[in-house]
C-alpha cells in the first residue's frame, strides 16, 4: 500500500552531521541526509557522553504544532530525546514531511488518482524516510544494529507501528496514542489506498510479535479502552509465540499526549529490553535548546539542486517503475522470482481472494427449460463480506457430468449476452452451449442488476478502507469462478472477458490458477497510459506492483488468448 513493494534500491544517504553541542550527560547535533537523491530528511541527533556501542532509537514526532521542536507539558519531543540519550541511547528525532526544516513537500494530500496508481502518498513517503532513518542510525559506529527501537505519539505513533511492521531491524517499539480499534488516524500521512482492507491498526501493531512492544494509552483519547480491548487482542497474538511477557500496556490519565508519565513508561520499557535495567526510570529535570539551535538550516543554506514537490513525486514514480521492471522474467528461474514478488503484490493491491466452499452464498431464483438448454437464475456471493452477484447459468440439456464450464463476463452485465427480441443467448454464449459447456453469466459490481446508481471509483480518502469498483468487479469474478468450481458436475473451468471486462477477467485469473483456458478482449487498452488506468481500471498501487505485467506473469504457463 505504501508503494514500497518491491523495496526500492537504497541510494547514498550523503549524511551531514554538524554543530555539536554538549550538555549534562548528552550531546545534540544537527543532521540532514537524502532519503532519495535530492529529497532531504532533517532532524537532531542526541548521543550519550559515553564510549562503546549503545542502542539506537528513532523518534518520529507526530502532529504537534511545532513538530520535533514541540516542548509543552503535553508533549516534549526534545525532552524525550535528551532523556533517552542520558540513559544510554543514541536518539534520532526527525521531521515529518512538511514540518520545520523538511519543506520540500507540504504536509497534505499529495496523491491524485495517477499518483495513487503508483503507490505515491504522504504515508508511503514518510515510511520510506523512516526506513532510511534506520539506515542512518545503523550507519553510526556508536549504534548497536541489533538494538534499534522506535517510539512516537499521535502520527508518530502511527509511523512507529508502520515502520515496525515493514522493517525487521526494529527490535522494540513503543507507539503512543494511536493503537486503537475505532480510530485509525485522520491525516493523509496515516492513510493510503487499500491499506486497511479487512485490517486495522491493532492488527498491524500485532505484527511486531514476538518482539518487545509497549502500548501507551490515554484516558482522554481514542485509546481509552486499550487495557480492556486492544491490549488483550495483541497479547493473544503474542501468546501464539509463547511471548506474552514481551508485550505491555500502560494508560495515563489525560488527553492525547506524550507527557512525562507516558515518557517514563517508555524509558522503563527500553531500559528493560535494551539496557537490562529492571527498575522504573524517572525523568530527570532538563532544559531544552532554543529552537534556532535545533533547526538544521537556521544558520546554514540548504544544499543546491533539491527537488520540488512535483519532482519528488516523479522521482518516486520513476523509482517504482525501475523496481518493477528490474524483476521482469527472462527465463524459468527468474519467472519464479517474479511470481514470488507479483502474487502478494497483486493480491494485496486488489484486495481479492478466492472464497472457500463453505464461505460461498447461493440462492436459487428460478429456472426455465428451453429445447436445448436450461436457464437457472441465481444469486451468488460470499457470506462474510455479503456481496450478492446476480447470475444466470445456462446448462445444455443432457450435458455430461464433469463437463467444462465457462464464465462469460460482459462489461454491461449478463443482459448484454442475450438477444432481447428473441430471448435467446447471443453467439458468445450460444457457441459455448453448442459445444457442451455450462455457461455462467454474471452482473459484477456496478453492472446490470448490480448497478444501483453512479459509483464513485476512487476520488477520496475512503479507498484506504474500501475496495475500488475495479477491484470489486475482479472479486466478483473470482467468487463466481469459485462457485463453478464447487459444483460436482463441473470439470474444467474456462473464463471469457469481453470488451472492458477483459481486463477485469485478466486480473481475476492471475489470482485464480484453477482456470484452464482464458480468453480476453484487451479492447485496445493502453497499458502505459496512467489516464487510461484511472478511467478504466483504477486500483491504488496497481501500477507499482506490475499491473498487466504481473497478471500475465502469474498466469504463465496457463493457456491464455488475448
Protein backbone atom coordinates (compact mmCIF):
# COMPACT_ATOMS: atom_id res chain seq x y z
CA UNK A 1 0.00 0.00 0.00
CA UNK A 2 2.89 2.33 0.66
CA UNK A 3 4.37 1.84 -2.80
CA UNK A 4 7.41 0.04 -1.38
CA UNK A 5 6.89 -3.43 -2.92
CA UNK A 6 9.41 -4.43 -4.05
CA UNK A 7 11.55 -2.47 -1.61
CA UNK A 8 13.29 0.27 -3.59
CA UNK A 9 17.01 0.44 -4.08
CA UNK A 10 18.76 2.36 -1.31
CA UNK A 11 20.73 5.27 -2.71
CA UNK A 12 23.58 7.05 -0.88
CA UNK A 13 22.44 8.94 2.20
CA UNK A 14 25.07 11.67 1.84
CA UNK A 15 24.55 12.36 5.55
CA UNK A 16 25.76 15.58 7.19
CA UNK A 17 26.18 15.77 10.99
CA UNK A 18 27.28 19.13 12.35
CA UNK A 19 27.13 21.81 15.11
CA UNK A 20 27.62 19.54 18.12
CA UNK A 21 26.53 20.96 21.47
CA UNK A 22 27.40 19.17 24.73
CA UNK A 23 25.11 19.34 27.74
CA UNK A 24 24.66 17.48 31.03
CA UNK A 25 25.05 13.81 30.07
CA UNK A 26 24.37 14.12 26.35
CA UNK A 27 25.21 15.93 23.13
CA UNK A 28 22.92 17.18 20.38
CA UNK A 29 23.79 17.70 16.71
CA UNK A 30 22.05 18.76 13.53
CA UNK A 31 21.54 16.23 10.75
CA UNK A 32 20.30 16.02 7.20
CA UNK A 33 20.55 13.23 4.65
CA UNK A 34 18.92 12.23 1.37
CA UNK A 35 16.27 9.51 1.56
CA UNK A 36 16.35 9.62 -2.24
CA UNK A 37 18.54 11.84 -4.40
CA UNK A 38 17.54 15.45 -3.87
CA UNK A 39 15.00 14.80 -1.09
CA UNK A 40 16.09 15.55 2.48
CA UNK A 41 15.32 14.12 5.90
CA UNK A 42 16.21 16.61 8.61
CA UNK A 43 16.50 16.30 12.37
CA UNK A 44 18.61 16.19 15.51
CA UNK A 45 20.93 13.50 16.81
CA UNK A 46 21.17 13.09 20.58
CA UNK A 47 24.04 10.98 21.95
CA UNK A 48 25.15 9.88 25.41
CA UNK A 49 28.52 11.14 26.61
CA UNK A 50 29.91 7.62 26.89
CA UNK A 51 32.01 5.19 24.89
CA UNK A 52 31.03 1.83 23.45
CA UNK A 53 28.18 0.62 21.28
CA UNK A 54 24.73 1.53 22.54
CA UNK A 55 21.12 1.13 21.38
CA UNK A 56 19.66 3.48 18.79
CA UNK A 57 16.12 4.89 18.96
CA UNK A 58 14.10 6.69 16.31
CA UNK A 59 11.67 9.39 17.46
CA UNK A 60 9.04 10.39 14.86
CA UNK A 61 7.20 13.35 16.36
CA UNK A 62 3.51 13.34 15.37
CA UNK A 63 1.07 16.17 14.71
CA UNK A 64 2.16 18.61 17.39
CA UNK A 65 2.16 22.26 16.32
CA UNK A 66 5.95 22.61 16.34
CA UNK A 67 6.76 19.09 15.17
CA UNK A 68 10.03 17.73 16.51
CA UNK A 69 10.57 21.06 18.34
CA UNK A 70 7.36 20.75 20.38
CA UNK A 71 8.04 21.39 24.06
CA UNK A 72 4.98 21.55 26.26
CA UNK A 73 3.56 19.81 29.30
CA UNK A 74 1.54 17.61 26.96
CA UNK A 75 4.44 16.57 24.75
CA UNK A 76 8.13 17.41 24.78
CA UNK A 77 9.95 15.79 21.87
CA UNK A 78 13.37 17.32 22.74
CA UNK A 79 12.82 16.33 26.38
CA UNK A 80 12.09 12.72 25.41
CA UNK A 81 15.15 12.56 23.15
CA UNK A 82 17.69 14.07 25.53
CA UNK A 83 16.39 11.93 28.40
CA UNK A 84 16.79 8.75 26.36
CA UNK A 85 20.31 9.90 25.42
CA UNK A 86 21.20 10.49 29.05
CA UNK A 87 20.02 6.95 29.82
CA UNK A 88 22.43 5.48 27.24
CA UNK A 89 20.79 5.56 23.78
CA UNK A 90 21.65 7.32 20.54
CA UNK A 91 18.42 9.05 19.50
CA UNK A 92 17.42 10.49 16.14
CA UNK A 93 14.49 12.91 16.06
CA UNK A 94 13.42 13.73 12.50
CA UNK A 95 10.83 15.89 10.79
CA UNK A 96 7.67 14.51 9.31
CA UNK A 97 7.26 15.74 5.75
CA UNK A 98 6.23 19.41 5.69
CA UNK A 99 7.39 20.26 9.23
CA UNK A 100 10.22 22.59 10.29
CA UNK A 101 13.27 22.00 8.06
CA UNK A 102 11.55 19.48 5.77
CA UNK A 103 9.78 21.94 3.48
CA UNK A 104 10.16 20.40 0.03
CA UNK A 105 6.65 18.90 0.25
CA UNK A 106 3.73 20.24 2.27
CA UNK A 107 2.11 18.04 4.90
CA UNK A 108 -1.10 17.45 2.96
CA UNK A 109 -2.64 15.13 0.40
CA UNK A 110 -0.17 14.89 -2.48
CA UNK A 111 -1.81 11.96 -4.23
CA UNK A 112 -4.29 12.34 -7.03
CA UNK A 113 -5.54 9.25 -8.87
CA UNK A 114 -2.39 8.99 -11.01
CA UNK A 115 -0.07 9.18 -8.01
CA UNK A 116 -2.19 6.63 -6.15
CA UNK A 117 -1.80 4.18 -9.04
CA UNK A 118 1.93 4.18 -8.33
CA UNK A 119 1.54 3.90 -4.55
CA UNK A 120 2.65 7.51 -4.05
CA UNK A 121 1.27 9.16 -0.93
CA UNK A 122 2.34 11.02 2.17
CA UNK A 123 2.23 7.83 4.26
CA UNK A 124 4.48 5.92 1.88
CA UNK A 125 6.98 8.76 1.53
CA UNK A 126 7.23 9.19 5.29
CA UNK A 127 7.58 5.46 5.76
CA UNK A 128 10.48 5.43 3.29
CA UNK A 129 12.05 8.32 5.23
CA UNK A 130 11.73 6.22 8.40
CA UNK A 131 13.33 3.20 6.74
CA UNK A 132 16.22 5.42 5.63
CA UNK A 133 16.39 6.84 9.17
CA UNK A 134 17.04 3.27 10.36
CA UNK A 135 19.78 3.09 7.70
CA UNK A 136 21.24 6.31 9.08
CA UNK A 137 21.20 5.15 12.71
CA UNK A 138 22.66 1.77 11.77
CA UNK A 139 25.49 3.51 9.89
CA UNK A 140 26.75 5.20 13.08
CA UNK A 141 29.68 3.38 14.64
CA UNK A 142 28.31 4.04 18.13
CA UNK A 143 24.97 2.29 17.44
CA UNK A 144 24.41 -1.41 18.03
CA UNK A 145 22.41 -2.52 14.97
CA UNK A 146 20.80 -5.34 16.97
CA UNK A 147 19.24 -2.85 19.40
CA UNK A 148 17.28 -0.33 17.33
CA UNK A 149 13.93 0.88 18.61
CA UNK A 150 11.23 3.36 17.70
CA UNK A 151 8.77 5.44 19.68
CA UNK A 152 6.37 8.25 18.86
CA UNK A 153 2.92 9.53 19.71
CA UNK A 154 -0.09 10.52 17.59
CA UNK A 155 1.07 10.50 13.95
CA UNK A 156 4.47 9.50 15.33
CA UNK A 157 2.75 6.50 16.92
CA UNK A 158 1.36 5.57 13.51
CA UNK A 159 4.83 5.83 11.98
CA UNK A 160 6.20 3.69 14.82
CA UNK A 161 3.98 0.65 14.28
CA UNK A 162 4.01 1.01 10.48
CA UNK A 163 7.81 1.05 10.47
CA UNK A 164 7.95 -1.89 12.89
CA UNK A 165 5.62 -3.82 10.57
CA UNK A 166 7.82 -3.43 7.48
CA UNK A 167 11.38 -3.18 8.83
CA UNK A 168 12.67 -6.20 10.74
CA UNK A 169 15.54 -4.17 12.15
CA UNK A 170 13.18 -2.55 14.68
CA UNK A 171 13.89 -4.67 17.75
CA UNK A 172 11.47 -2.92 20.14
CA UNK A 173 8.66 -0.42 19.60
CA UNK A 174 6.56 1.87 21.80
CA UNK A 175 3.71 3.55 19.87
CA UNK A 176 1.72 6.05 21.95
CA UNK A 177 -1.84 7.27 21.45
CA UNK A 178 -2.57 5.51 18.14
CA UNK A 179 -3.17 1.76 18.51
CA UNK A 180 -6.96 1.83 18.67
CA UNK A 181 -9.74 -0.30 17.23
CA UNK A 182 -12.15 2.55 16.50
CA UNK A 183 -9.88 5.32 15.16
CA UNK A 184 -7.13 4.74 12.64
CA UNK A 185 -5.68 8.21 12.18
CA UNK A 186 -7.16 11.21 10.41
CA UNK A 187 -4.21 12.52 8.37
CA UNK A 188 -3.10 11.59 4.88
CA UNK A 189 0.24 10.55 6.41
CA UNK A 190 -1.69 7.77 8.20
CA UNK A 191 -3.91 6.68 5.30
CA UNK A 192 -3.13 5.33 1.87
CA UNK A 193 -5.11 3.41 -0.75
CA UNK A 194 -6.27 -0.11 0.24
CA UNK A 195 -4.11 -0.02 3.40
CA UNK A 196 -6.88 -1.15 5.75
CA UNK A 197 -8.95 -3.63 3.79
CA UNK A 198 -10.19 -6.03 6.49
CA UNK A 199 -7.42 -4.96 8.88
CA UNK A 200 -6.85 -2.19 11.41
CA UNK A 201 -4.11 -0.58 13.48
CA UNK A 202 -4.42 -3.19 16.22
CA UNK A 203 -3.59 -6.00 13.82
CA UNK A 204 -0.82 -4.01 12.13
CA UNK A 205 0.77 -3.31 15.52
CA UNK A 206 0.48 -7.01 16.38
CA UNK A 207 2.85 -7.86 13.52
CA UNK A 208 5.58 -6.79 15.95
CA UNK A 209 5.16 -10.13 17.73
CA UNK A 210 7.16 -11.69 19.27
CA UNK A 211 9.49 -8.70 19.67
CA UNK A 212 9.03 -6.27 22.60
CA UNK A 213 6.07 -3.91 22.21
CA UNK A 214 4.69 -1.25 24.57
CA UNK A 215 1.27 0.35 24.04
CA UNK A 216 0.90 3.77 25.66
CA UNK A 217 -2.70 4.89 26.04
CA UNK A 218 -4.62 7.86 27.49
CA UNK A 219 -7.98 8.10 29.21
CA UNK A 220 -8.87 11.19 27.18
CA UNK A 221 -8.49 9.95 23.58
CA UNK A 222 -9.42 7.00 21.36
CA UNK A 223 -7.02 4.68 23.22
CA UNK A 224 -9.13 4.84 26.41
CA UNK A 225 -10.18 1.18 26.04
CA UNK A 226 -6.68 -0.17 25.45
CA UNK A 227 -6.41 -2.19 28.67
CA UNK A 228 -9.73 -3.97 28.01
CA UNK A 229 -9.76 -4.25 24.22
CA UNK A 230 -6.65 -3.61 22.15
CA UNK A 231 -4.03 -4.88 24.60
CA UNK A 232 -5.75 -8.27 25.22
CA UNK A 233 -6.19 -8.73 21.45
CA UNK A 234 -2.50 -8.14 20.77
CA UNK A 235 -1.50 -10.24 23.79
CA UNK A 236 -3.42 -13.15 22.23
CA UNK A 237 -1.13 -12.89 19.19
CA UNK A 238 1.96 -12.85 21.43
CA UNK A 239 0.58 -15.89 23.24
CA UNK A 240 0.84 -17.85 19.99
CA UNK A 241 4.61 -17.28 20.19
CA UNK A 242 4.83 -18.00 23.91
CA UNK A 243 5.95 -14.39 24.33
CA UNK A 244 3.21 -12.75 26.41
CA UNK A 245 5.75 -11.10 28.70
CA UNK A 246 7.14 -9.11 25.78
CA UNK A 247 4.01 -7.04 25.20
CA UNK A 248 2.98 -4.43 27.77
CA UNK A 249 0.45 -1.63 28.02
CA UNK A 250 0.04 1.42 30.25
CA UNK A 251 -2.69 4.03 30.41
CA UNK A 252 -2.24 7.52 31.81
CA UNK A 253 -4.90 9.94 32.95
CA UNK A 254 -5.05 12.81 30.47
CA UNK A 255 -5.82 13.94 26.96
CA UNK A 256 -3.99 12.85 23.79
CA UNK A 257 -0.38 13.22 24.89
CA UNK A 258 3.21 12.13 25.27
CA UNK A 259 3.59 13.70 28.70
CA UNK A 260 6.08 12.91 31.45
CA UNK A 261 4.16 9.90 32.77
CA UNK A 262 3.91 8.44 29.25
CA UNK A 263 7.57 9.14 28.56
CA UNK A 264 8.68 7.47 31.79
CA UNK A 265 6.82 4.32 30.79
CA UNK A 266 8.75 4.37 27.51
CA UNK A 267 12.10 4.97 29.28
CA UNK A 268 11.45 1.99 31.55
CA UNK A 269 10.44 -0.20 28.59
CA UNK A 270 13.60 0.50 26.57
CA UNK A 271 15.71 0.35 29.73
CA UNK A 272 14.42 -3.15 30.40
CA UNK A 273 14.82 -4.56 26.90
CA UNK A 274 17.90 -2.69 25.66
CA UNK A 275 19.86 -1.86 28.82
CA UNK A 276 18.81 -4.75 31.12
CA UNK A 277 17.59 -2.34 33.80
CA UNK A 278 14.70 -3.68 35.85
CA UNK A 279 13.78 -0.59 37.85
CA UNK A 280 11.42 2.19 36.81
CA UNK A 281 13.30 5.04 35.15
CA UNK A 282 12.31 8.53 36.20
CA UNK A 283 12.77 11.62 34.06
CA UNK A 284 15.41 13.98 35.41
CA UNK A 285 14.84 17.75 35.13
CA UNK A 286 16.03 19.11 31.80
CA UNK A 287 16.34 22.30 29.80
CA UNK A 288 15.54 22.35 26.09
CA UNK A 289 17.66 24.14 23.50
CA UNK A 290 16.26 27.22 21.82
CA UNK A 291 14.59 26.41 18.53
CA UNK A 292 17.24 28.08 16.37
CA UNK A 293 19.88 25.82 17.95
CA UNK A 294 17.87 22.77 16.85
CA UNK A 295 16.74 23.96 13.42
CA UNK A 296 19.01 22.37 10.82
CA UNK A 297 19.11 25.30 8.43
CA UNK A 298 18.81 28.18 10.91
CA UNK A 299 22.36 29.37 10.13
CA UNK A 300 23.20 27.25 7.10
CA UNK A 301 21.99 27.42 3.50
CA UNK A 302 20.18 24.41 2.11
CA UNK A 303 22.04 22.25 -0.40
CA UNK A 304 21.80 23.10 -4.07
CA UNK A 305 19.70 21.11 -6.55
CA UNK A 306 16.97 19.97 -4.16
CA UNK A 307 13.81 18.61 -5.76
CA UNK A 308 10.48 20.42 -5.69
CA UNK A 309 7.21 18.66 -4.84
CA UNK A 310 6.37 17.61 -8.41
CA UNK A 311 9.95 16.48 -8.99
CA UNK A 312 9.92 14.36 -5.82
CA UNK A 313 6.67 12.69 -6.88
CA UNK A 314 8.01 11.97 -10.37
CA UNK A 315 11.22 10.65 -8.85
CA UNK A 316 9.24 8.22 -6.66
CA UNK A 317 7.17 7.06 -9.66
CA UNK A 318 10.33 6.56 -11.71
CA UNK A 319 11.90 4.62 -8.84
CA UNK A 320 8.82 2.40 -8.60
CA UNK A 321 8.82 1.74 -12.34
CA UNK A 322 12.50 0.80 -12.25
CA UNK A 323 12.00 -1.52 -9.25
CA UNK A 324 9.11 -3.23 -11.03
CA UNK A 325 10.86 -3.58 -14.37
CA UNK A 326 14.03 -4.97 -12.76
CA UNK A 327 12.04 -8.11 -11.90
CA UNK A 328 10.78 -8.80 -15.43
CA UNK A 329 11.20 -12.56 -16.01
CA UNK A 330 13.68 -13.65 -18.65
CA UNK A 331 13.66 -17.41 -18.05
CA UNK A 332 12.23 -20.16 -15.82
CA UNK A 333 14.31 -19.26 -12.76
CA UNK A 334 13.56 -15.53 -12.97
CA UNK A 335 9.87 -16.33 -13.59
CA UNK A 336 9.78 -18.00 -10.16
CA UNK A 337 11.33 -14.91 -8.57
CA UNK A 338 8.88 -12.72 -10.47
CA UNK A 339 5.88 -14.71 -9.25
CA UNK A 340 7.10 -14.61 -5.64
CA UNK A 341 7.01 -10.82 -5.91
CA UNK A 342 3.93 -10.40 -8.11
CA UNK A 343 1.47 -12.70 -6.31
CA UNK A 344 1.40 -10.97 -2.91
CA UNK A 345 1.74 -7.55 -4.54
CA UNK A 346 -1.19 -8.00 -6.90
CA UNK A 347 -3.42 -9.80 -4.38
CA UNK A 348 -2.92 -7.03 -1.83
CA UNK A 349 -3.32 -4.17 -4.28
CA UNK A 350 -6.63 -5.63 -5.46
CA UNK A 351 -7.59 -6.95 -2.03
CA UNK A 352 -9.22 -10.04 -3.54
CA UNK A 353 -9.14 -13.73 -2.74
CA UNK A 354 -10.97 -16.92 -3.67
CA UNK A 355 -13.57 -17.94 -1.07
CA UNK A 356 -13.58 -21.43 0.39
CA UNK A 357 -16.61 -23.55 -0.47
CA UNK A 358 -18.16 -23.06 2.97
CA UNK A 359 -17.91 -19.28 2.52
CA UNK A 360 -19.98 -19.25 -0.67
CA UNK A 361 -23.52 -17.89 -0.61
CA UNK A 362 -26.07 -19.25 -3.11
CA UNK A 363 -29.74 -18.52 -3.62
CA UNK A 364 -31.79 -20.16 -6.37
CA UNK A 365 -34.08 -17.67 -8.15
CA UNK A 366 -35.96 -19.97 -10.53
CA UNK A 367 -35.38 -21.99 -13.68
CA UNK A 368 -36.73 -22.20 -17.21
CA UNK A 369 -36.43 -25.03 -19.72
CA UNK A 370 -35.71 -24.42 -23.40
CA UNK A 371 -35.39 -27.06 -26.16
CA UNK A 372 -31.61 -27.35 -25.95
CA UNK A 373 -30.70 -25.81 -22.59
CA UNK A 374 -31.98 -24.98 -19.11
CA UNK A 375 -31.78 -21.45 -17.68
CA UNK A 376 -31.12 -21.20 -13.94
CA UNK A 377 -31.24 -17.80 -12.25
CA UNK A 378 -29.12 -17.43 -9.12
CA UNK A 379 -27.67 -15.03 -6.61
CA UNK A 380 -24.02 -15.81 -5.81
CA UNK A 381 -21.81 -14.22 -3.16
CA UNK A 382 -19.67 -14.57 -0.05
CA UNK A 383 -21.27 -14.97 3.37
CA UNK A 384 -18.91 -12.72 5.33
CA UNK A 385 -18.44 -9.68 3.09
CA UNK A 386 -22.04 -10.01 1.90
CA UNK A 387 -21.74 -9.39 -1.85
CA UNK A 388 -24.69 -10.57 -3.92
CA UNK A 389 -23.97 -11.21 -7.60
CA UNK A 390 -26.95 -11.72 -9.94
CA UNK A 391 -26.16 -14.65 -12.26
CA UNK A 392 -27.67 -16.86 -14.94
CA UNK A 393 -26.44 -20.40 -15.57
CA UNK A 394 -27.10 -21.94 -18.98
CA UNK A 395 -26.98 -25.72 -18.80
CA UNK A 396 -27.12 -27.80 -22.01
CA UNK A 397 -29.80 -30.48 -21.98
CA UNK A 398 -28.15 -33.87 -21.49
CA UNK A 399 -24.80 -32.36 -20.54
CA UNK A 400 -22.21 -34.78 -19.29
CA UNK A 401 -21.06 -34.89 -15.69
CA UNK A 402 -17.71 -33.16 -15.10
CA UNK A 403 -18.29 -31.07 -18.21
CA UNK A 404 -16.40 -27.91 -18.95
CA UNK A 405 -17.90 -24.69 -17.56
CA UNK A 406 -17.26 -21.18 -18.83
CA UNK A 407 -17.75 -17.88 -17.02
CA UNK A 408 -18.53 -15.17 -19.58
CA UNK A 409 -18.32 -11.54 -18.42
CA UNK A 410 -19.68 -8.58 -20.38
CA UNK A 411 -18.87 -5.00 -19.25
CA UNK A 412 -22.59 -4.13 -19.27
CA UNK A 413 -23.67 -7.27 -17.47
CA UNK A 414 -25.38 -10.53 -18.34
CA UNK A 415 -28.36 -8.94 -20.16
CA UNK A 416 -25.98 -7.89 -22.95
CA UNK A 417 -25.34 -11.58 -23.65
CA UNK A 418 -29.00 -12.16 -24.56
CA UNK A 419 -30.89 -11.17 -27.70
CA UNK A 420 -33.72 -9.19 -26.09
CA UNK A 421 -36.06 -9.56 -29.09
CA UNK A 422 -35.82 -13.33 -29.26
CA UNK A 423 -34.92 -14.04 -25.66
CA UNK A 424 -32.05 -16.25 -26.76
CA UNK A 425 -28.36 -16.17 -25.84
CA UNK A 426 -26.05 -14.19 -28.08
CA UNK A 427 -23.41 -16.04 -30.07
CA UNK A 428 -20.76 -15.79 -27.33
CA UNK A 429 -22.95 -17.93 -25.07
CA UNK A 430 -24.71 -19.94 -27.78
CA UNK A 431 -21.44 -21.10 -29.31
CA UNK A 432 -20.20 -22.42 -25.98
CA UNK A 433 -23.52 -24.14 -25.26
CA UNK A 434 -23.45 -25.89 -28.63
CA UNK A 435 -20.10 -27.41 -27.66
CA UNK A 436 -21.43 -28.80 -24.38
CA UNK A 437 -20.17 -26.14 -21.96
CA UNK A 438 -22.13 -24.94 -18.97
CA UNK A 439 -22.12 -21.13 -19.24
CA UNK A 440 -22.40 -18.72 -16.32
CA UNK A 441 -23.10 -15.03 -16.97
CA UNK A 442 -22.97 -12.50 -14.11
CA UNK A 443 -23.56 -8.88 -13.19
CA UNK A 444 -20.33 -7.97 -11.38
CA UNK A 445 -20.20 -4.85 -9.21
CA UNK A 446 -21.89 -1.79 -10.74
CA UNK A 447 -23.12 -3.60 -13.88
CA UNK A 448 -26.58 -4.82 -14.87
CA UNK A 449 -28.74 -5.59 -11.85
CA UNK A 450 -25.77 -4.77 -9.60
CA UNK A 451 -25.79 -1.17 -10.79
CA UNK A 452 -27.72 0.87 -8.24
CA UNK A 453 -26.56 4.28 -9.41
CA UNK A 454 -23.35 6.24 -10.08
CA UNK A 455 -20.35 4.64 -8.43
CA UNK A 456 -17.54 6.80 -7.07
CA UNK A 457 -14.42 4.95 -8.13
CA UNK A 458 -11.51 6.49 -6.31
CA UNK A 459 -11.52 10.17 -5.63
CA UNK A 460 -11.30 10.31 -1.85
CA UNK A 461 -9.55 9.01 1.24
CA UNK A 462 -12.13 6.24 1.68
CA UNK A 463 -10.06 3.97 -0.59
CA UNK A 464 -7.92 3.36 2.50
CA UNK A 465 -10.77 1.25 3.85
CA UNK A 466 -12.79 0.26 0.77
CA UNK A 467 -12.02 -1.55 -2.47
CA UNK A 468 -12.38 0.44 -5.65
CA UNK A 469 -15.03 -0.57 -8.17
CA UNK A 470 -12.43 -2.25 -10.40
CA UNK A 471 -11.20 -4.41 -7.55
CA UNK A 472 -14.76 -5.34 -6.56
CA UNK A 473 -15.51 -6.49 -10.09
CA UNK A 474 -12.40 -8.68 -10.08
CA UNK A 475 -13.52 -10.13 -6.74
CA UNK A 476 -16.99 -10.92 -8.10
CA UNK A 477 -15.38 -12.78 -10.99
CA UNK A 478 -13.22 -14.87 -8.63
CA UNK A 479 -16.23 -15.59 -6.42
CA UNK A 480 -18.20 -16.75 -9.47
CA UNK A 481 -15.33 -18.97 -10.57
CA UNK A 482 -15.22 -20.47 -7.07
CA UNK A 483 -18.95 -21.20 -7.32
CA UNK A 484 -18.46 -23.06 -10.61
CA UNK A 485 -15.54 -24.98 -9.12
CA UNK A 486 -17.76 -26.05 -6.20
CA UNK A 487 -20.32 -27.72 -8.49
CA UNK A 488 -19.92 -31.52 -8.67
CA UNK A 489 -20.94 -31.52 -12.35
CA UNK A 490 -18.11 -29.17 -13.41
CA UNK A 491 -14.79 -30.43 -14.69
CA UNK A 492 -12.53 -27.86 -16.30
CA UNK A 493 -13.02 -24.11 -15.94
CA UNK A 494 -12.83 -21.50 -18.70
CA UNK A 495 -13.04 -17.71 -18.47
CA UNK A 496 -14.09 -15.25 -21.17
CA UNK A 497 -13.87 -11.45 -20.77
CA UNK A 498 -15.49 -9.21 -23.41
CA UNK A 499 -14.79 -5.52 -24.01
CA UNK A 500 -13.61 -3.68 -20.90
CA UNK A 501 -14.40 -6.81 -18.87
CA UNK A 502 -11.37 -8.44 -20.48
CA UNK A 503 -9.06 -6.61 -18.11
CA UNK A 504 -11.27 -7.45 -15.12
CA UNK A 505 -11.02 -11.12 -16.05
CA UNK A 506 -7.27 -10.96 -16.64
CA UNK A 507 -6.68 -9.63 -13.12
CA UNK A 508 -9.02 -12.19 -11.57
CA UNK A 509 -7.46 -15.08 -13.49
CA UNK A 510 -3.99 -14.10 -12.30
CA UNK A 511 -5.09 -14.90 -8.74
CA UNK A 512 -7.24 -17.95 -9.54
CA UNK A 513 -4.98 -20.61 -11.07
CA UNK A 514 -7.69 -23.29 -11.39
CA UNK A 515 -8.89 -21.85 -14.71
CA UNK A 516 -7.67 -23.99 -17.61
CA UNK A 517 -8.32 -21.59 -20.50
CA UNK A 518 -8.77 -17.83 -20.51
CA UNK A 519 -9.83 -15.66 -23.45
CA UNK A 520 -9.91 -11.90 -23.01
CA UNK A 521 -10.60 -8.89 -25.17
CA UNK A 522 -7.83 -6.40 -24.46
CA UNK A 523 -10.04 -3.76 -26.10
CA UNK A 524 -7.09 -1.57 -27.19
CA UNK A 525 -6.22 -0.79 -23.56
CA UNK A 526 -3.10 1.39 -23.42
CA UNK A 527 -1.16 -0.28 -20.63
CA UNK A 528 1.42 2.53 -20.40
CA UNK A 529 -1.06 5.39 -20.08
CA UNK A 530 -1.89 6.39 -16.49
CA UNK A 531 -5.05 8.24 -17.50
CA UNK A 532 -6.40 5.09 -19.11
CA UNK A 533 -5.80 3.19 -15.89
CA UNK A 534 -7.52 5.94 -13.88
CA UNK A 535 -10.63 5.87 -16.05
CA UNK A 536 -10.82 2.16 -16.89
CA UNK A 537 -9.31 0.19 -14.01
CA UNK A 538 -8.31 2.28 -11.02
CA UNK A 539 -6.70 0.43 -8.10
CA UNK A 540 -4.25 2.16 -5.70
CA UNK A 541 -0.71 0.85 -6.09
CA UNK A 542 -1.60 -1.37 -9.05
CA UNK A 543 0.98 0.06 -11.43
CA UNK A 544 3.69 -0.20 -8.79
CA UNK A 545 3.06 -3.93 -8.35
CA UNK A 546 3.21 -4.68 -12.05
CA UNK A 547 -0.34 -4.14 -13.42
CA UNK A 548 -0.83 -6.26 -16.59
CA UNK A 549 2.79 -7.45 -16.48
CA UNK A 550 2.24 -9.03 -13.08
CA UNK A 551 -1.06 -10.60 -14.14
CA UNK A 552 0.31 -12.20 -17.32
CA UNK A 553 3.41 -13.41 -15.48
CA UNK A 554 1.25 -15.10 -12.84
CA UNK A 555 -0.93 -16.78 -15.48
CA UNK A 556 2.10 -18.27 -17.28
CA UNK A 557 2.31 -21.06 -18.36
CA UNK A 558 -1.51 -21.33 -18.38
CA UNK A 559 -3.46 -21.13 -21.65
CA UNK A 560 -4.26 -17.50 -22.46
CA UNK A 561 -5.80 -15.95 -25.57
CA UNK A 562 -5.63 -12.16 -25.82
